[in-house]
Amino acid sequence: MPADDPEGGAAPGTMGDVPVYGLSANDPDGRLIDRGGVSEADIAQITGLMQALGALRDEEDRFARASEEYMNLGRTDMRALHFLIVAENLGRVVTAAALAAHLQITSASTTKLLDRLERAGHITRSPHPSDRRALAVRVTAQTRRVATATVGVYQARRFRAAARLTSAEREVVTRFLRDMTDELAAGDAPAPESAGSARRDA
């Protein structure tokens, strides 16, 4: 049985009997990852971990698409509503500027987004309680109920999975996820010319 497929069969993150996140499948020539000092058992275990992450990402994407279709909203719209609900839970008033900063989009794009959400009955804009120059943006009660019944329930499932771990296991998982985030953030996205060079080298 291949080291990259420790359990065999079509496990999550596989394509038939091909582990799509396996090291040998993605880096057969060792051009990306130095195998020195990494045992076959470690490679198999890391591959299993990558397959589990891939399966989680696939499920997250599937649910996100289903939620977006159910509420007839795009991903940025859903992120905006989530931010508004969390802010309201914390007793904070959200302005268009605060929303733009959270979503990392321009003020013009934020205005279009809010216009779209308001027309669809998802948010309201009213005078800010302490800033005359700004408007307070709030999610409507109906949209809040729908979001709680869909995205909220899904978030509760994540919590239950985390609650089943021991305290020590959560520390390890948290450290791993933060380390992976830092590792990914440390590298720049491939430049267009680099991608073209890669295609020519292939």
N, C-alpha and C. Protein backbone atom coordinates (compact mmCIF):
# COMPACT_ATOMS: atom_id res chain seq x y z
N MET A 1 0.85 -1.20 0.00
CA MET A 1 0.00 0.00 0.00
C MET A 1 0.88 1.24 0.00
N PRO A 2 0.61 2.26 -0.84
CA PRO A 2 1.45 3.45 -0.89
C PRO A 2 1.49 4.17 0.43
N ALA A 3 2.65 4.78 0.71
CA ALA A 3 2.80 5.50 1.97
C ALA A 3 1.84 6.68 2.05
N ASP A 4 1.48 7.26 0.89
CA ASP A 4 0.61 8.42 0.89
C ASP A 4 -0.86 8.04 1.06
N ASP A 5 -1.17 6.76 1.13
CA ASP A 5 -2.55 6.31 1.27
C ASP A 5 -2.61 5.32 2.41
N PRO A 6 -2.44 5.76 3.66
CA PRO A 6 -2.29 4.86 4.78
C PRO A 6 -3.49 3.98 5.02
N GLU A 7 -4.69 4.41 4.62
CA GLU A 7 -5.87 3.61 4.91
C GLU A 7 -6.42 2.93 3.66
N GLY A 8 -5.98 3.37 2.49
CA GLY A 8 -6.48 2.78 1.26
C GLY A 8 -7.91 3.23 0.97
N GLY A 9 -8.40 2.91 -0.23
CA GLY A 9 -9.76 3.24 -0.58
C GLY A 9 -9.94 4.71 -0.89
N ALA A 10 -11.18 5.09 -1.12
CA ALA A 10 -11.50 6.46 -1.49
C ALA A 10 -11.80 7.27 -0.24
N ALA A 11 -10.77 7.58 0.53
CA ALA A 11 -10.94 8.37 1.75
C ALA A 11 -11.19 9.81 1.38
N PRO A 12 -11.68 10.62 2.35
CA PRO A 12 -11.85 12.05 2.07
C PRO A 12 -10.54 12.65 1.58
N GLY A 13 -10.63 13.52 0.58
CA GLY A 13 -9.42 14.11 0.03
C GLY A 13 -8.74 13.21 -0.98
N THR A 14 -9.46 12.20 -1.49
CA THR A 14 -8.89 11.31 -2.49
C THR A 14 -9.73 11.38 -3.76
N MET A 15 -9.17 10.91 -4.86
CA MET A 15 -9.88 10.82 -6.13
C MET A 15 -9.82 9.36 -6.54
N GLY A 16 -10.88 8.62 -6.16
CA GLY A 16 -10.81 7.18 -6.33
C GLY A 16 -9.80 6.63 -5.35
N ASP A 17 -8.74 5.99 -5.87
CA ASP A 17 -7.69 5.50 -4.98
C ASP A 17 -6.46 6.40 -5.01
N VAL A 18 -6.62 7.64 -5.55
CA VAL A 18 -5.50 8.58 -5.62
C VAL A 18 -5.66 9.64 -4.53
N PRO A 19 -4.73 9.71 -3.58
CA PRO A 19 -4.81 10.74 -2.55
C PRO A 19 -4.40 12.10 -3.13
N VAL A 20 -5.37 12.94 -3.45
CA VAL A 20 -5.06 14.18 -4.16
C VAL A 20 -4.22 15.14 -3.34
N TYR A 21 -4.15 14.96 -2.02
CA TYR A 21 -3.31 15.81 -1.19
C TYR A 21 -2.03 15.08 -0.78
N GLY A 22 -1.77 13.92 -1.36
CA GLY A 22 -0.57 13.16 -1.01
C GLY A 22 0.70 13.83 -1.50
N LEU A 23 1.77 13.64 -0.75
CA LEU A 23 3.04 14.27 -1.09
C LEU A 23 3.57 13.76 -2.42
N SER A 24 3.58 12.45 -2.63
CA SER A 24 4.13 11.91 -3.87
C SER A 24 3.28 12.30 -5.08
N ALA A 25 1.98 12.51 -4.86
CA ALA A 25 1.10 12.90 -5.97
C ALA A 25 1.31 14.36 -6.36
N ASN A 26 1.66 15.20 -5.39
CA ASN A 26 1.80 16.63 -5.65
C ASN A 26 3.23 17.08 -5.89
N ASP A 27 4.19 16.34 -5.35
CA ASP A 27 5.60 16.73 -5.48
C ASP A 27 6.46 15.49 -5.72
N PRO A 28 6.22 14.80 -6.83
CA PRO A 28 6.91 13.52 -7.07
C PRO A 28 8.42 13.65 -7.19
N ASP A 29 8.90 14.81 -7.63
CA ASP A 29 10.34 14.98 -7.84
C ASP A 29 11.04 15.66 -6.67
N GLY A 30 10.31 15.96 -5.61
CA GLY A 30 10.92 16.62 -4.46
C GLY A 30 11.40 18.02 -4.74
N ARG A 31 10.76 18.72 -5.67
CA ARG A 31 11.17 20.09 -6.00
C ARG A 31 10.65 21.11 -5.00
N LEU A 32 9.56 20.77 -4.30
CA LEU A 32 8.93 21.72 -3.39
C LEU A 32 9.24 21.43 -1.93
N ILE A 33 9.32 20.17 -1.59
CA ILE A 33 9.48 19.78 -0.19
C ILE A 33 10.67 18.86 -0.03
N ASP A 34 11.57 19.21 0.89
CA ASP A 34 12.73 18.38 1.20
C ASP A 34 12.29 17.24 2.10
N ARG A 35 12.46 16.01 1.61
CA ARG A 35 12.05 14.84 2.39
C ARG A 35 13.09 14.42 3.42
N GLY A 36 14.24 15.08 3.44
CA GLY A 36 15.31 14.69 4.34
C GLY A 36 14.86 14.70 5.79
N GLY A 37 15.07 13.61 6.49
CA GLY A 37 14.71 13.52 7.89
C GLY A 37 13.24 13.25 8.15
N VAL A 38 12.46 13.04 7.09
CA VAL A 38 11.04 12.74 7.26
C VAL A 38 10.81 11.28 6.89
N SER A 39 10.37 10.50 7.84
CA SER A 39 10.18 9.06 7.61
C SER A 39 8.94 8.80 6.77
N GLU A 40 8.86 7.61 6.21
CA GLU A 40 7.68 7.21 5.43
C GLU A 40 6.43 7.24 6.30
N ALA A 41 6.58 6.84 7.57
CA ALA A 41 5.43 6.87 8.48
C ALA A 41 4.96 8.29 8.71
N ASP A 42 5.91 9.22 8.85
CA ASP A 42 5.54 10.63 9.03
C ASP A 42 4.85 11.18 7.78
N ILE A 43 5.38 10.81 6.61
CA ILE A 43 4.78 11.27 5.35
C ILE A 43 3.34 10.77 5.24
N ALA A 44 3.12 9.51 5.60
CA ALA A 44 1.77 8.95 5.54
C ALA A 44 0.84 9.68 6.50
N GLN A 45 1.34 9.98 7.70
CA GLN A 45 0.51 10.66 8.69
C GLN A 45 0.20 12.10 8.27
N ILE A 46 1.21 12.79 7.73
CA ILE A 46 0.99 14.16 7.26
C ILE A 46 0.00 14.17 6.10
N THR A 47 0.11 13.18 5.22
CA THR A 47 -0.82 13.08 4.10
C THR A 47 -2.24 12.90 4.60
N GLY A 48 -2.42 12.05 5.62
CA GLY A 48 -3.75 11.88 6.20
C GLY A 48 -4.29 13.17 6.76
N LEU A 49 -3.41 13.96 7.38
CA LEU A 49 -3.81 15.26 7.92
C LEU A 49 -4.22 16.20 6.81
N MET A 50 -3.44 16.23 5.72
CA MET A 50 -3.77 17.10 4.60
C MET A 50 -5.09 16.70 3.94
N GLN A 51 -5.33 15.39 3.87
CA GLN A 51 -6.59 14.91 3.31
C GLN A 51 -7.77 15.33 4.19
N ALA A 52 -7.57 15.30 5.52
CA ALA A 52 -8.63 15.73 6.43
C ALA A 52 -8.90 17.21 6.27
N LEU A 53 -7.85 18.02 6.10
CA LEU A 53 -8.03 19.45 5.87
C LEU A 53 -8.76 19.69 4.55
N GLY A 54 -8.40 18.92 3.53
CA GLY A 54 -9.06 19.05 2.24
C GLY A 54 -10.54 18.72 2.32
N ALA A 55 -10.86 17.66 3.07
CA ALA A 55 -12.26 17.28 3.23
C ALA A 55 -13.03 18.36 3.98
N LEU A 56 -12.39 18.95 5.00
CA LEU A 56 -13.03 20.04 5.74
C LEU A 56 -13.28 21.23 4.82
N ARG A 57 -12.27 21.59 4.03
CA ARG A 57 -12.42 22.72 3.11
C ARG A 57 -13.54 22.45 2.11
N ASP A 58 -13.63 21.22 1.60
CA ASP A 58 -14.69 20.88 0.65
C ASP A 58 -16.07 21.03 1.30
N GLU A 59 -16.19 20.57 2.55
CA GLU A 59 -17.47 20.67 3.24
C GLU A 59 -17.82 22.12 3.54
N GLU A 60 -16.83 22.91 3.93
CA GLU A 60 -17.06 24.34 4.17
C GLU A 60 -17.55 25.02 2.89
N ASP A 61 -16.91 24.69 1.77
CA ASP A 61 -17.31 25.28 0.49
C ASP A 61 -18.72 24.86 0.11
N ARG A 62 -19.03 23.57 0.33
CA ARG A 62 -20.37 23.07 -0.01
C ARG A 62 -21.44 23.79 0.81
N PHE A 63 -21.19 23.95 2.10
CA PHE A 63 -22.17 24.62 2.94
C PHE A 63 -22.29 26.11 2.57
N ALA A 64 -21.15 26.74 2.30
CA ALA A 64 -21.18 28.16 1.93
C ALA A 64 -22.00 28.37 0.67
N ARG A 65 -21.81 27.48 -0.33
CA ARG A 65 -22.59 27.61 -1.57
C ARG A 65 -24.07 27.41 -1.30
N ALA A 66 -24.41 26.41 -0.46
CA ALA A 66 -25.82 26.14 -0.16
C ALA A 66 -26.46 27.32 0.58
N SER A 67 -25.72 27.90 1.52
CA SER A 67 -26.24 29.04 2.27
C SER A 67 -26.43 30.25 1.37
N GLU A 68 -25.47 30.50 0.50
CA GLU A 68 -25.55 31.63 -0.41
C GLU A 68 -26.74 31.49 -1.35
N GLU A 69 -26.96 30.25 -1.84
CA GLU A 69 -28.08 30.01 -2.75
C GLU A 69 -29.41 30.14 -2.01
N TYR A 70 -29.45 29.64 -0.77
CA TYR A 70 -30.69 29.69 0.01
C TYR A 70 -31.09 31.13 0.29
N MET A 71 -30.10 31.97 0.65
CA MET A 71 -30.39 33.36 0.97
C MET A 71 -30.24 34.28 -0.25
N ASN A 72 -29.87 33.69 -1.40
CA ASN A 72 -29.70 34.45 -2.64
C ASN A 72 -28.70 35.58 -2.46
N LEU A 73 -27.54 35.24 -1.85
CA LEU A 73 -26.51 36.23 -1.55
C LEU A 73 -25.15 35.72 -1.98
N GLY A 74 -24.23 36.65 -2.22
CA GLY A 74 -22.85 36.30 -2.53
C GLY A 74 -22.05 36.14 -1.25
N ARG A 75 -20.80 35.70 -1.40
CA ARG A 75 -19.96 35.42 -0.23
C ARG A 75 -19.66 36.69 0.57
N THR A 76 -19.39 37.80 -0.14
CA THR A 76 -19.12 39.06 0.56
C THR A 76 -20.35 39.53 1.30
N ASP A 77 -21.52 39.35 0.70
CA ASP A 77 -22.77 39.71 1.37
C ASP A 77 -22.94 38.91 2.66
N MET A 78 -22.64 37.62 2.60
CA MET A 78 -22.78 36.76 3.78
C MET A 78 -21.80 37.18 4.87
N ARG A 79 -20.58 37.53 4.46
CA ARG A 79 -19.60 37.99 5.45
C ARG A 79 -20.04 39.29 6.11
N ALA A 80 -20.66 40.15 5.32
CA ALA A 80 -21.15 41.41 5.87
C ALA A 80 -22.25 41.17 6.90
N LEU A 81 -23.19 40.29 6.58
CA LEU A 81 -24.27 40.00 7.51
C LEU A 81 -23.76 39.36 8.78
N HIS A 82 -22.79 38.47 8.64
CA HIS A 82 -22.21 37.83 9.82
C HIS A 82 -21.57 38.87 10.72
N PHE A 83 -20.84 39.79 10.13
CA PHE A 83 -20.20 40.86 10.91
C PHE A 83 -21.24 41.71 11.63
N LEU A 84 -22.33 42.02 10.96
CA LEU A 84 -23.38 42.83 11.56
C LEU A 84 -24.05 42.10 12.73
N ILE A 85 -24.27 40.81 12.57
CA ILE A 85 -24.89 40.03 13.64
C ILE A 85 -23.98 39.95 14.86
N VAL A 86 -22.70 39.69 14.62
CA VAL A 86 -21.74 39.62 15.74
C VAL A 86 -21.64 40.96 16.45
N ALA A 87 -21.58 42.04 15.68
CA ALA A 87 -21.49 43.37 16.28
C ALA A 87 -22.71 43.66 17.15
N GLU A 88 -23.88 43.29 16.63
CA GLU A 88 -25.10 43.52 17.40
C GLU A 88 -25.09 42.69 18.69
N ASN A 89 -24.61 41.45 18.60
CA ASN A 89 -24.51 40.61 19.79
C ASN A 89 -23.62 41.25 20.85
N LEU A 90 -22.61 42.00 20.40
CA LEU A 90 -21.66 42.64 21.31
C LEU A 90 -22.09 44.06 21.70
N GLY A 91 -23.25 44.47 21.18
CA GLY A 91 -23.75 45.79 21.51
C GLY A 91 -23.03 46.92 20.81
N ARG A 92 -22.45 46.65 19.65
CA ARG A 92 -21.71 47.68 18.92
C ARG A 92 -22.49 48.16 17.71
N VAL A 93 -22.33 49.43 17.40
CA VAL A 93 -22.98 50.01 16.23
C VAL A 93 -22.00 50.00 15.06
N VAL A 94 -22.46 49.49 13.93
CA VAL A 94 -21.60 49.37 12.75
C VAL A 94 -21.88 50.49 11.77
N THR A 95 -20.83 51.10 11.28
CA THR A 95 -20.94 52.11 10.22
C THR A 95 -20.47 51.49 8.91
N ALA A 96 -20.73 52.19 7.83
CA ALA A 96 -20.26 51.71 6.53
C ALA A 96 -18.74 51.64 6.51
N ALA A 97 -18.09 52.60 7.15
CA ALA A 97 -16.63 52.61 7.18
C ALA A 97 -16.08 51.40 7.94
N ALA A 98 -16.72 51.04 9.05
CA ALA A 98 -16.28 49.88 9.83
C ALA A 98 -16.48 48.60 9.03
N LEU A 99 -17.58 48.53 8.29
CA LEU A 99 -17.85 47.35 7.48
C LEU A 99 -16.84 47.25 6.34
N ALA A 100 -16.53 48.37 5.72
CA ALA A 100 -15.55 48.38 4.63
C ALA A 100 -14.19 47.90 5.13
N ALA A 101 -13.81 48.34 6.32
CA ALA A 101 -12.52 47.94 6.88
C ALA A 101 -12.51 46.45 7.16
N HIS A 102 -13.62 45.92 7.67
CA HIS A 102 -13.68 44.48 7.96
C HIS A 102 -13.61 43.66 6.69
N LEU A 103 -14.35 44.07 5.67
CA LEU A 103 -14.39 43.32 4.41
C LEU A 103 -13.20 43.61 3.51
N GLN A 104 -12.46 44.67 3.83
CA GLN A 104 -11.32 45.11 3.03
C GLN A 104 -11.74 45.42 1.59
N ILE A 105 -12.79 46.23 1.50
CA ILE A 105 -13.26 46.69 0.20
C ILE A 105 -13.36 48.21 0.24
N THR A 106 -13.51 48.84 -0.92
CA THR A 106 -13.55 50.29 -1.00
C THR A 106 -14.88 50.82 -0.49
N SER A 107 -14.90 52.11 -0.21
CA SER A 107 -16.15 52.74 0.25
C SER A 107 -17.22 52.68 -0.84
N ALA A 108 -16.80 52.80 -2.10
CA ALA A 108 -17.76 52.71 -3.21
C ALA A 108 -18.38 51.32 -3.28
N SER A 109 -17.53 50.29 -3.12
CA SER A 109 -18.04 48.91 -3.14
C SER A 109 -18.94 48.65 -1.95
N THR A 110 -18.61 49.25 -0.81
CA THR A 110 -19.44 49.08 0.39
C THR A 110 -20.80 49.71 0.19
N THR A 111 -20.84 50.88 -0.44
CA THR A 111 -22.12 51.55 -0.70
C THR A 111 -22.99 50.68 -1.60
N LYS A 112 -22.41 50.12 -2.64
CA LYS A 112 -23.18 49.24 -3.54
C LYS A 112 -23.68 48.02 -2.80
N LEU A 113 -22.83 47.45 -1.95
CA LEU A 113 -23.21 46.26 -1.19
C LEU A 113 -24.39 46.59 -0.27
N LEU A 114 -24.29 47.71 0.45
CA LEU A 114 -25.36 48.08 1.38
C LEU A 114 -26.65 48.42 0.64
N ASP A 115 -26.54 49.06 -0.50
CA ASP A 115 -27.74 49.35 -1.31
C ASP A 115 -28.43 48.05 -1.69
N ARG A 116 -27.62 47.07 -2.11
CA ARG A 116 -28.16 45.77 -2.53
C ARG A 116 -28.81 45.05 -1.35
N LEU A 117 -28.15 45.04 -0.20
CA LEU A 117 -28.69 44.35 0.97
C LEU A 117 -29.96 45.04 1.49
N GLU A 118 -29.98 46.37 1.41
CA GLU A 118 -31.16 47.10 1.87
C GLU A 118 -32.35 46.84 0.97
N ARG A 119 -32.12 46.85 -0.36
CA ARG A 119 -33.22 46.58 -1.30
C ARG A 119 -33.81 45.19 -1.07
N ALA A 120 -32.96 44.24 -0.69
CA ALA A 120 -33.42 42.87 -0.47
C ALA A 120 -34.02 42.67 0.93
N GLY A 121 -34.02 43.72 1.74
CA GLY A 121 -34.62 43.63 3.06
C GLY A 121 -33.76 42.98 4.12
N HIS A 122 -32.43 42.94 3.87
CA HIS A 122 -31.53 42.29 4.83
C HIS A 122 -30.97 43.25 5.88
N ILE A 123 -30.87 44.53 5.54
CA ILE A 123 -30.30 45.49 6.50
C ILE A 123 -31.12 46.79 6.49
N THR A 124 -30.91 47.58 7.53
CA THR A 124 -31.48 48.93 7.58
C THR A 124 -30.37 49.91 7.85
N ARG A 125 -30.55 51.14 7.41
CA ARG A 125 -29.62 52.23 7.72
C ARG A 125 -30.40 53.35 8.40
N SER A 126 -29.88 53.80 9.52
CA SER A 126 -30.56 54.83 10.30
C SER A 126 -29.53 55.77 10.90
N PRO A 127 -29.96 56.93 11.41
CA PRO A 127 -28.99 57.86 12.00
C PRO A 127 -28.18 57.20 13.12
N HIS A 128 -26.89 57.47 13.11
CA HIS A 128 -26.00 56.93 14.14
C HIS A 128 -26.34 57.58 15.49
N PRO A 129 -26.35 56.81 16.57
CA PRO A 129 -26.74 57.39 17.87
C PRO A 129 -25.78 58.43 18.41
N SER A 130 -24.52 58.44 17.96
CA SER A 130 -23.56 59.41 18.51
C SER A 130 -22.72 60.14 17.47
N ASP A 131 -22.83 59.75 16.20
CA ASP A 131 -22.04 60.37 15.14
C ASP A 131 -22.99 60.88 14.06
N ARG A 132 -23.16 62.20 13.99
CA ARG A 132 -24.10 62.78 13.03
C ARG A 132 -23.67 62.58 11.58
N ARG A 133 -22.39 62.33 11.37
CA ARG A 133 -21.88 62.19 10.00
C ARG A 133 -22.05 60.78 9.45
N ALA A 134 -22.43 59.84 10.31
CA ALA A 134 -22.49 58.44 9.88
C ALA A 134 -23.88 57.86 10.05
N LEU A 135 -24.11 56.76 9.38
CA LEU A 135 -25.35 56.00 9.53
C LEU A 135 -25.05 54.69 10.24
N ALA A 136 -25.98 54.24 11.04
CA ALA A 136 -25.85 52.94 11.71
C ALA A 136 -26.44 51.87 10.80
N VAL A 137 -25.68 50.81 10.59
CA VAL A 137 -26.12 49.71 9.73
C VAL A 137 -26.49 48.53 10.63
N ARG A 138 -27.70 48.02 10.46
CA ARG A 138 -28.17 46.90 11.28
C ARG A 138 -28.83 45.84 10.41
N VAL A 139 -28.71 44.60 10.82
CA VAL A 139 -29.35 43.51 10.11
C VAL A 139 -30.81 43.44 10.54
N THR A 140 -31.71 43.09 9.64
CA THR A 140 -33.12 43.00 9.99
C THR A 140 -33.39 41.75 10.81
N ALA A 141 -34.49 41.77 11.55
CA ALA A 141 -34.84 40.64 12.42
C ALA A 141 -35.07 39.37 11.61
N GLN A 142 -35.72 39.49 10.45
CA GLN A 142 -35.99 38.31 9.63
C GLN A 142 -34.70 37.68 9.11
N THR A 143 -33.79 38.51 8.61
CA THR A 143 -32.52 37.97 8.11
C THR A 143 -31.71 37.37 9.25
N ARG A 144 -31.76 37.98 10.40
CA ARG A 144 -31.05 37.43 11.56
C ARG A 144 -31.59 36.04 11.91
N ARG A 145 -32.90 35.87 11.86
CA ARG A 145 -33.50 34.56 12.16
C ARG A 145 -33.06 33.52 11.15
N VAL A 146 -33.06 33.88 9.87
CA VAL A 146 -32.66 32.93 8.83
C VAL A 146 -31.18 32.57 8.96
N ALA A 147 -30.35 33.57 9.21
CA ALA A 147 -28.92 33.32 9.35
C ALA A 147 -28.63 32.45 10.57
N THR A 148 -29.35 32.67 11.65
CA THR A 148 -29.15 31.86 12.85
C THR A 148 -29.55 30.41 12.60
N ALA A 149 -30.61 30.21 11.83
CA ALA A 149 -31.09 28.85 11.55
C ALA A 149 -30.21 28.11 10.56
N THR A 150 -29.36 28.83 9.84
CA THR A 150 -28.49 28.17 8.85
C THR A 150 -27.03 28.25 9.28
N VAL A 151 -26.43 29.40 9.11
CA VAL A 151 -25.02 29.58 9.45
C VAL A 151 -24.78 29.39 10.94
N GLY A 152 -25.71 29.86 11.76
CA GLY A 152 -25.56 29.72 13.20
C GLY A 152 -25.53 28.27 13.64
N VAL A 153 -26.41 27.47 13.08
CA VAL A 153 -26.44 26.04 13.40
C VAL A 153 -25.15 25.37 12.97
N TYR A 154 -24.64 25.76 11.82
CA TYR A 154 -23.39 25.19 11.33
C TYR A 154 -22.23 25.53 12.26
N GLN A 155 -22.20 26.77 12.74
CA GLN A 155 -21.16 27.19 13.67
C GLN A 155 -21.25 26.40 14.97
N ALA A 156 -22.45 26.08 15.40
CA ALA A 156 -22.63 25.29 16.62
C ALA A 156 -22.05 23.89 16.44
N ARG A 157 -22.14 23.35 15.23
CA ARG A 157 -21.55 22.03 14.97
C ARG A 157 -20.03 22.09 15.08
N ARG A 158 -19.43 23.17 14.61
CA ARG A 158 -17.98 23.33 14.76
C ARG A 158 -17.60 23.35 16.24
N PHE A 159 -18.40 24.06 17.03
CA PHE A 159 -18.13 24.15 18.47
C PHE A 159 -18.20 22.77 19.11
N ARG A 160 -19.20 21.98 18.72
CA ARG A 160 -19.34 20.65 19.32
C ARG A 160 -18.14 19.77 19.00
N ALA A 161 -17.63 19.89 17.78
CA ALA A 161 -16.45 19.11 17.40
C ALA A 161 -15.26 19.53 18.25
N ALA A 162 -15.09 20.82 18.46
CA ALA A 162 -13.98 21.31 19.28
C ALA A 162 -14.16 20.90 20.74
N ALA A 163 -15.40 20.86 21.21
CA ALA A 163 -15.67 20.51 22.61
C ALA A 163 -15.34 19.05 22.89
N ARG A 164 -15.36 18.21 21.86
CA ARG A 164 -15.04 16.79 22.07
C ARG A 164 -13.55 16.55 22.28
N LEU A 165 -12.71 17.53 21.97
CA LEU A 165 -11.27 17.39 22.19
C LEU A 165 -10.94 17.68 23.65
N THR A 166 -9.84 17.13 24.08
CA THR A 166 -9.34 17.50 25.41
C THR A 166 -8.70 18.87 25.34
N SER A 167 -8.44 19.45 26.50
CA SER A 167 -7.79 20.75 26.53
C SER A 167 -6.43 20.71 25.84
N ALA A 168 -5.66 19.65 26.08
CA ALA A 168 -4.34 19.51 25.47
C ALA A 168 -4.45 19.36 23.96
N GLU A 169 -5.46 18.61 23.50
CA GLU A 169 -5.65 18.43 22.06
C GLU A 169 -6.02 19.75 21.39
N ARG A 170 -6.85 20.55 22.05
CA ARG A 170 -7.21 21.85 21.46
C ARG A 170 -6.00 22.76 21.36
N GLU A 171 -5.11 22.70 22.33
CA GLU A 171 -3.88 23.50 22.27
C GLU A 171 -3.04 23.11 21.06
N VAL A 172 -2.94 21.80 20.80
CA VAL A 172 -2.15 21.32 19.67
C VAL A 172 -2.79 21.74 18.35
N VAL A 173 -4.10 21.55 18.23
CA VAL A 173 -4.80 21.90 17.00
C VAL A 173 -4.72 23.41 16.75
N THR A 174 -4.90 24.20 17.80
CA THR A 174 -4.83 25.66 17.66
C THR A 174 -3.44 26.09 17.22
N ARG A 175 -2.41 25.50 17.83
CA ARG A 175 -1.04 25.85 17.45
C ARG A 175 -0.76 25.47 16.00
N PHE A 176 -1.25 24.30 15.58
CA PHE A 176 -1.05 23.86 14.20
C PHE A 176 -1.74 24.79 13.22
N LEU A 177 -3.00 25.14 13.49
CA LEU A 177 -3.73 26.00 12.56
C LEU A 177 -3.11 27.39 12.47
N ARG A 178 -2.66 27.92 13.60
CA ARG A 178 -2.02 29.23 13.56
C ARG A 178 -0.68 29.17 12.83
N ASP A 179 0.05 28.08 13.06
CA ASP A 179 1.33 27.94 12.39
C ASP A 179 1.14 27.80 10.88
N MET A 180 0.13 27.03 10.46
CA MET A 180 -0.14 26.88 9.04
C MET A 180 -0.57 28.21 8.44
N THR A 181 -1.39 28.98 9.17
CA THR A 181 -1.81 30.29 8.69
C THR A 181 -0.61 31.20 8.51
N ASP A 182 0.29 31.20 9.48
CA ASP A 182 1.49 32.03 9.39
C ASP A 182 2.38 31.59 8.23
N GLU A 183 2.47 30.28 8.01
CA GLU A 183 3.30 29.75 6.93
C GLU A 183 2.76 30.20 5.58
N LEU A 184 1.44 30.12 5.42
CA LEU A 184 0.82 30.54 4.17
C LEU A 184 0.92 32.05 3.97
N ALA A 185 0.75 32.80 5.06
CA ALA A 185 0.79 34.27 4.96
C ALA A 185 2.19 34.78 4.69
N ALA A 186 3.20 33.99 5.01
CA ALA A 186 4.59 34.43 4.85
C ALA A 186 5.02 34.49 3.39
N GLY A 187 4.32 33.76 2.52
CA GLY A 187 4.69 33.74 1.11
C GLY A 187 3.76 34.57 0.27
N ASP A 188 4.32 35.25 -0.73
CA ASP A 188 3.50 36.03 -1.64
C ASP A 188 2.78 35.11 -2.62
N ALA A 189 1.64 35.57 -3.11
CA ALA A 189 0.94 34.83 -4.16
C ALA A 189 1.79 34.85 -5.42
N PRO A 190 1.74 33.78 -6.23
CA PRO A 190 2.54 33.76 -7.46
C PRO A 190 2.19 34.93 -8.37
N ALA A 191 3.23 35.61 -8.85
CA ALA A 191 3.02 36.72 -9.78
C ALA A 191 2.62 36.16 -11.14
N PRO A 192 1.87 36.95 -11.94
CA PRO A 192 1.45 36.46 -13.27
C PRO A 192 2.61 35.96 -14.12
N GLU A 193 3.77 36.67 -14.05
CA GLU A 193 4.89 36.23 -14.88
C GLU A 193 5.46 34.90 -14.38
N SER A 194 5.37 34.69 -13.06
CA SER A 194 5.84 33.43 -12.51
C SER A 194 4.98 32.28 -12.97
N ALA A 195 3.65 32.53 -13.01
CA ALA A 195 2.74 31.50 -13.49
C ALA A 195 3.00 31.17 -14.94
N GLY A 196 3.27 32.20 -15.73
CA GLY A 196 3.58 31.96 -17.14
C GLY A 196 4.86 31.19 -17.30
N SER A 197 5.86 31.50 -16.47
CA SER A 197 7.13 30.79 -16.52
C SER A 197 6.93 29.33 -16.15
N ALA A 198 6.05 29.08 -15.16
CA ALA A 198 5.81 27.71 -14.74
C ALA A 198 5.17 26.92 -15.86
N ARG A 199 4.25 27.58 -16.62
CA ARG A 199 3.61 26.88 -17.73
C ARG A 199 4.62 26.56 -18.83
N ARG A 200 5.57 27.48 -19.06
CA ARG A 200 6.56 27.22 -20.09
C ARG A 200 7.51 26.10 -19.67
N ASP A 201 7.79 26.01 -18.34
CA ASP A 201 8.70 24.99 -17.86
C ASP A 201 8.07 23.62 -17.80
N ALA A 202 6.72 23.58 -17.78
CA ALA A 202 6.03 22.30 -17.63
C ALA A 202 6.22 21.43 -18.84
